């Protein structure tokens, strides 16, 4: 299952999930892009999002307005839907209207492998290589990996620090996957200080020593974080 968390009152860019991109609201365009892969439900915090989704044939469910992160929001949705503990759930951000279907499919494949490996905690995400200029952008989250392709740390800063001049940078693609049991476990972990400092929810898992398996995926898509990003997206459809 794919669950898309959608919050109307974004602090940096209010109502951006309803912004028009090529004749479709952003959240609708994102949902339609991944609908061929698996069942899609939008987990929203406002009736306006619910109404817009339903007008375009997208299933949507009202969730709390007080969730700290999108992952907490999709967990509420999964609980309302009474999904089985082994159900695989992918969190696709509502502001990712250009997310490639191959990226989502690769993530599902990794989740299935983690289940076969009988991992106690199943959480995975994606990354790709980025250049040094892109690594300086705080809106592009960077990740450092261990030898097993698990995440060591995520940051808005360029990591690793390029002291020797030979650094390779990996950009985090903001898509997450869990099984239902692990999703619930994640959302019941105590908040992590580093999560609040960086404003990156995935650091909650790292802080509590829960592995995040990372999948390398080619991607040229981009999230809509600013009005400038929105203008760039609109121009693609002109």
Protein backbone atom coordinates (compact mmCIF):
# COMPACT_ATOMS: atom_id res chain seq x y z
CA UNK A 1 0.00 0.00 0.00
CA UNK A 2 1.08 3.59 -0.70
CA UNK A 3 -0.01 6.24 1.81
CA UNK A 4 0.56 9.91 1.02
CA UNK A 5 0.60 12.25 4.03
CA UNK A 6 -0.78 15.67 3.14
CA UNK A 7 -0.77 18.66 5.47
CA UNK A 8 -2.56 21.86 4.49
CA UNK A 9 -0.97 24.23 6.99
CA UNK A 10 2.68 23.80 5.98
CA UNK A 11 4.73 26.29 7.99
CA UNK A 12 7.12 27.09 5.11
CA UNK A 13 4.65 26.95 2.23
CA UNK A 14 0.94 26.93 3.28
CA UNK A 15 -1.49 25.02 1.02
CA UNK A 16 1.31 23.92 -1.30
CA UNK A 17 -0.16 20.39 -1.62
CA UNK A 18 -3.16 21.94 -3.41
CA UNK A 19 -1.09 24.12 -5.72
CA UNK A 20 -1.98 23.65 -9.40
CA UNK A 21 0.63 21.83 -11.49
CA UNK A 22 -0.37 21.37 -15.09
CA UNK A 23 -4.09 21.37 -14.32
CA UNK A 24 -3.98 19.06 -11.27
CA UNK A 25 -3.51 19.81 -7.56
CA UNK A 26 -0.05 18.71 -6.44
CA UNK A 27 -1.27 15.94 -4.12
CA UNK A 28 -3.53 14.56 -6.85
CA UNK A 29 -0.75 14.58 -9.42
CA UNK A 30 1.52 12.72 -6.97
CA UNK A 31 -1.18 10.14 -6.19
CA UNK A 32 -1.98 9.50 -9.84
CA UNK A 33 1.71 9.09 -10.65
CA UNK A 34 2.08 6.11 -8.28
CA UNK A 35 -1.44 4.65 -8.51
CA UNK A 36 -0.35 2.04 -11.07
CA UNK A 37 2.00 0.45 -8.50
CA UNK A 38 -0.31 -0.26 -5.58
CA UNK A 39 -3.40 0.98 -3.78
CA UNK A 40 -3.06 4.67 -2.83
CA UNK A 41 -4.64 6.51 0.09
CA UNK A 42 -4.04 10.15 1.00
CA UNK A 43 -3.83 10.79 4.76
CA UNK A 44 -4.88 14.43 5.15
CA UNK A 45 -5.20 16.87 8.03
CA UNK A 46 -7.96 19.01 6.49
CA UNK A 47 -11.33 18.45 4.85
CA UNK A 48 -10.33 20.66 1.93
CA UNK A 49 -7.69 18.12 0.88
CA UNK A 50 -10.22 15.30 1.29
CA UNK A 51 -12.71 17.10 -0.96
CA UNK A 52 -10.14 17.84 -3.68
CA UNK A 53 -8.86 14.26 -3.68
CA UNK A 54 -12.35 12.80 -3.94
CA UNK A 55 -13.19 15.15 -6.82
CA UNK A 56 -10.32 13.51 -8.71
CA UNK A 57 -11.13 9.94 -7.72
CA UNK A 58 -8.40 9.62 -5.08
CA UNK A 59 -9.23 7.87 -1.81
CA UNK A 60 -8.47 10.13 1.16
CA UNK A 61 -8.81 9.87 4.91
CA UNK A 62 -8.93 12.57 7.59
CA UNK A 63 -6.22 12.33 10.25
CA UNK A 64 -5.17 14.40 13.25
CA UNK A 65 -3.90 17.96 12.90
CA UNK A 66 -1.30 17.45 15.65
CA UNK A 67 1.07 14.92 14.09
CA UNK A 68 4.74 15.82 14.30
CA UNK A 69 5.70 14.09 11.06
CA UNK A 70 4.27 12.57 7.92
CA UNK A 71 5.24 9.12 9.18
CA UNK A 72 3.12 9.60 12.30
CA UNK A 73 0.25 10.62 10.01
CA UNK A 74 0.48 7.54 7.80
CA UNK A 75 0.64 5.37 10.91
CA UNK A 76 -2.72 6.73 12.07
CA UNK A 77 -4.13 6.03 8.61
CA UNK A 78 -2.75 2.47 8.65
CA UNK A 79 -4.29 1.87 12.07
CA UNK A 80 -7.68 3.19 10.94
CA UNK A 81 -7.50 0.86 7.94
CA UNK A 82 -6.62 -2.02 10.30
CA UNK A 83 -3.80 -3.24 8.07
CA UNK A 84 -2.08 -6.52 8.90
CA UNK A 85 1.28 -6.32 10.70
CA UNK A 86 3.15 -7.70 7.68
CA UNK A 87 1.55 -5.29 5.19
CA UNK A 88 4.19 -3.28 3.33
CA UNK A 89 3.55 0.46 3.38
CA UNK A 90 5.38 3.11 1.34
CA UNK A 91 5.19 6.75 2.37
CA UNK A 92 5.31 8.98 -0.73
CA UNK A 93 5.42 12.68 0.08
CA UNK A 94 2.57 14.79 -1.30
CA UNK A 95 5.06 17.33 -2.64
CA UNK A 96 6.82 14.79 -4.92
CA UNK A 97 4.77 15.05 -8.15
CA UNK A 98 7.75 13.91 -10.23
CA UNK A 99 8.65 10.81 -8.24
CA UNK A 100 9.63 8.04 -10.65
CA UNK A 101 7.62 4.84 -10.46
CA UNK A 102 10.85 2.84 -10.74
CA UNK A 103 12.06 4.39 -7.48
CA UNK A 104 8.90 3.28 -5.68
CA UNK A 105 9.13 -0.20 -7.19
CA UNK A 106 12.76 -0.54 -6.08
CA UNK A 107 11.75 0.39 -2.55
CA UNK A 108 9.01 -2.24 -2.50
CA UNK A 109 11.55 -4.81 -3.74
CA UNK A 110 13.92 -3.98 -0.87
CA UNK A 111 11.09 -4.21 1.67
CA UNK A 112 10.16 -7.66 0.38
CA UNK A 113 13.80 -8.76 0.67
CA UNK A 114 13.98 -7.48 4.25
CA UNK A 115 10.89 -9.56 5.03
CA UNK A 116 12.53 -12.63 3.50
CA UNK A 117 15.61 -11.94 5.61
CA UNK A 118 13.32 -11.88 8.67
CA UNK A 119 14.49 -8.47 9.82
CA UNK A 120 13.03 -7.61 13.20
CA UNK A 121 12.65 -3.94 12.23
CA UNK A 122 11.85 -3.19 8.58
CA UNK A 123 12.42 0.34 7.34
CA UNK A 124 13.94 1.42 4.03
CA UNK A 125 14.47 4.52 1.93
CA UNK A 126 16.28 5.65 -1.24
CA UNK A 127 19.24 7.77 -2.27
CA UNK A 128 21.20 8.84 -5.32
CA UNK A 129 24.57 10.43 -6.02
CA UNK A 130 24.68 14.25 -6.09
CA UNK A 131 27.43 16.72 -6.93
CA UNK A 132 29.17 19.01 -4.46
CA UNK A 133 27.15 22.05 -5.50
CA UNK A 134 23.85 20.25 -4.84
CA UNK A 135 25.20 18.99 -1.51
CA UNK A 136 25.40 22.60 -0.26
CA UNK A 137 21.61 23.02 -0.53
CA UNK A 138 19.98 22.58 2.92
CA UNK A 139 16.70 21.61 1.25
CA UNK A 140 18.46 18.54 -0.18
CA UNK A 141 19.03 16.08 2.64
CA UNK A 142 22.30 14.13 2.51
CA UNK A 143 22.93 10.64 3.84
CA UNK A 144 26.06 8.68 4.81
CA UNK A 145 25.98 4.88 4.55
CA UNK A 146 27.72 1.95 6.21
CA UNK A 147 29.11 -1.08 4.35
CA UNK A 148 25.72 -2.83 4.46
CA UNK A 149 23.96 0.19 2.86
CA UNK A 150 22.25 1.14 6.09
CA UNK A 151 22.05 4.84 6.89
CA UNK A 152 24.57 6.13 9.43
CA UNK A 153 23.26 9.71 9.47
CA UNK A 154 21.14 12.18 7.55
CA UNK A 155 21.78 15.92 7.50
CA UNK A 156 20.88 19.14 5.76
CA UNK A 157 24.59 19.97 5.90
CA UNK A 158 26.98 18.50 3.30
CA UNK A 159 28.19 15.22 4.78
CA UNK A 160 30.82 13.86 4.92
CA UNK A 161 32.92 16.98 5.43
CA UNK A 162 35.20 17.21 2.39
CA UNK A 163 38.53 17.75 4.17
CA UNK A 164 40.55 15.40 1.95
CA UNK A 165 38.97 16.62 -1.29
CA UNK A 166 37.62 13.22 -2.30
CA UNK A 167 34.12 13.17 -0.85
CA UNK A 168 31.18 11.49 -2.58
CA UNK A 169 27.79 12.87 -1.67
CA UNK A 170 24.52 10.98 -1.56
CA UNK A 171 21.20 12.81 -1.64
CA UNK A 172 18.24 11.34 0.20
CA UNK A 173 15.14 10.70 -1.90
CA UNK A 174 12.31 11.45 0.53
CA UNK A 175 10.38 8.21 0.30
CA UNK A 176 10.08 5.68 3.14
CA UNK A 177 8.91 2.09 3.43
CA UNK A 178 7.97 -0.06 6.42
CA UNK A 179 6.01 -3.11 7.30
CA UNK A 180 3.02 -2.20 9.47
CA UNK A 181 4.58 -3.57 12.65
CA UNK A 182 7.76 -1.53 12.21
CA UNK A 183 5.83 1.59 11.27
CA UNK A 184 3.98 1.36 14.56
CA UNK A 185 7.25 0.71 16.41
CA UNK A 186 8.83 3.78 14.83
CA UNK A 187 5.93 6.01 15.79
CA UNK A 188 6.06 4.81 19.40
CA UNK A 189 9.74 5.68 19.80
CA UNK A 190 10.53 8.71 21.93
CA UNK A 191 11.32 11.87 20.01
CA UNK A 192 15.02 12.26 19.30
CA UNK A 193 16.96 15.50 19.97
CA UNK A 194 18.70 15.24 16.58
CA UNK A 195 15.31 14.86 14.89
CA UNK A 196 14.23 18.22 16.30
CA UNK A 197 17.55 19.93 15.52
CA UNK A 198 17.70 18.88 11.86
CA UNK A 199 13.91 18.66 11.39
CA UNK A 200 14.37 15.20 9.86
CA UNK A 201 12.00 12.53 11.17
CA UNK A 202 14.15 9.60 9.99
CA UNK A 203 16.78 10.52 12.57
CA UNK A 204 14.39 9.17 15.21
CA UNK A 205 15.14 5.64 13.99
CA UNK A 206 18.91 6.20 13.90
CA UNK A 207 18.92 7.71 17.39
CA UNK A 208 17.19 4.60 18.74
CA UNK A 209 19.52 2.21 16.85
CA UNK A 210 16.88 1.07 14.34
CA UNK A 211 18.40 0.30 10.91
CA UNK A 212 17.26 2.11 7.78
CA UNK A 213 18.15 0.09 4.68
CA UNK A 214 19.03 2.39 1.78
CA UNK A 215 18.36 1.66 -1.90
CA UNK A 216 20.31 3.43 -4.65
CA UNK A 217 17.95 4.69 -7.35
CA UNK A 218 18.37 6.96 -10.35
CA UNK A 219 16.13 9.98 -9.99
CA UNK A 220 15.81 13.35 -11.64
CA UNK A 221 12.60 14.25 -9.81
CA UNK A 222 12.45 16.99 -7.20
CA UNK A 223 10.25 17.88 -4.27
CA UNK A 224 8.34 21.15 -4.02
CA UNK A 225 9.84 22.91 -1.00
CA UNK A 226 9.64 26.55 -2.08
CA UNK A 227 7.61 28.84 -4.37
CA UNK A 228 10.60 28.72 -6.72
CA UNK A 229 10.32 24.92 -6.90
CA UNK A 230 6.63 25.29 -7.70
CA UNK A 231 7.36 27.71 -10.54
CA UNK A 232 9.92 25.28 -11.90
CA UNK A 233 7.34 22.47 -11.77
CA UNK A 234 4.68 24.59 -13.49
CA UNK A 235 7.10 25.46 -16.30
CA UNK A 236 7.62 21.75 -17.03
CA UNK A 237 3.94 21.47 -18.01
CA UNK A 238 3.78 24.66 -20.07
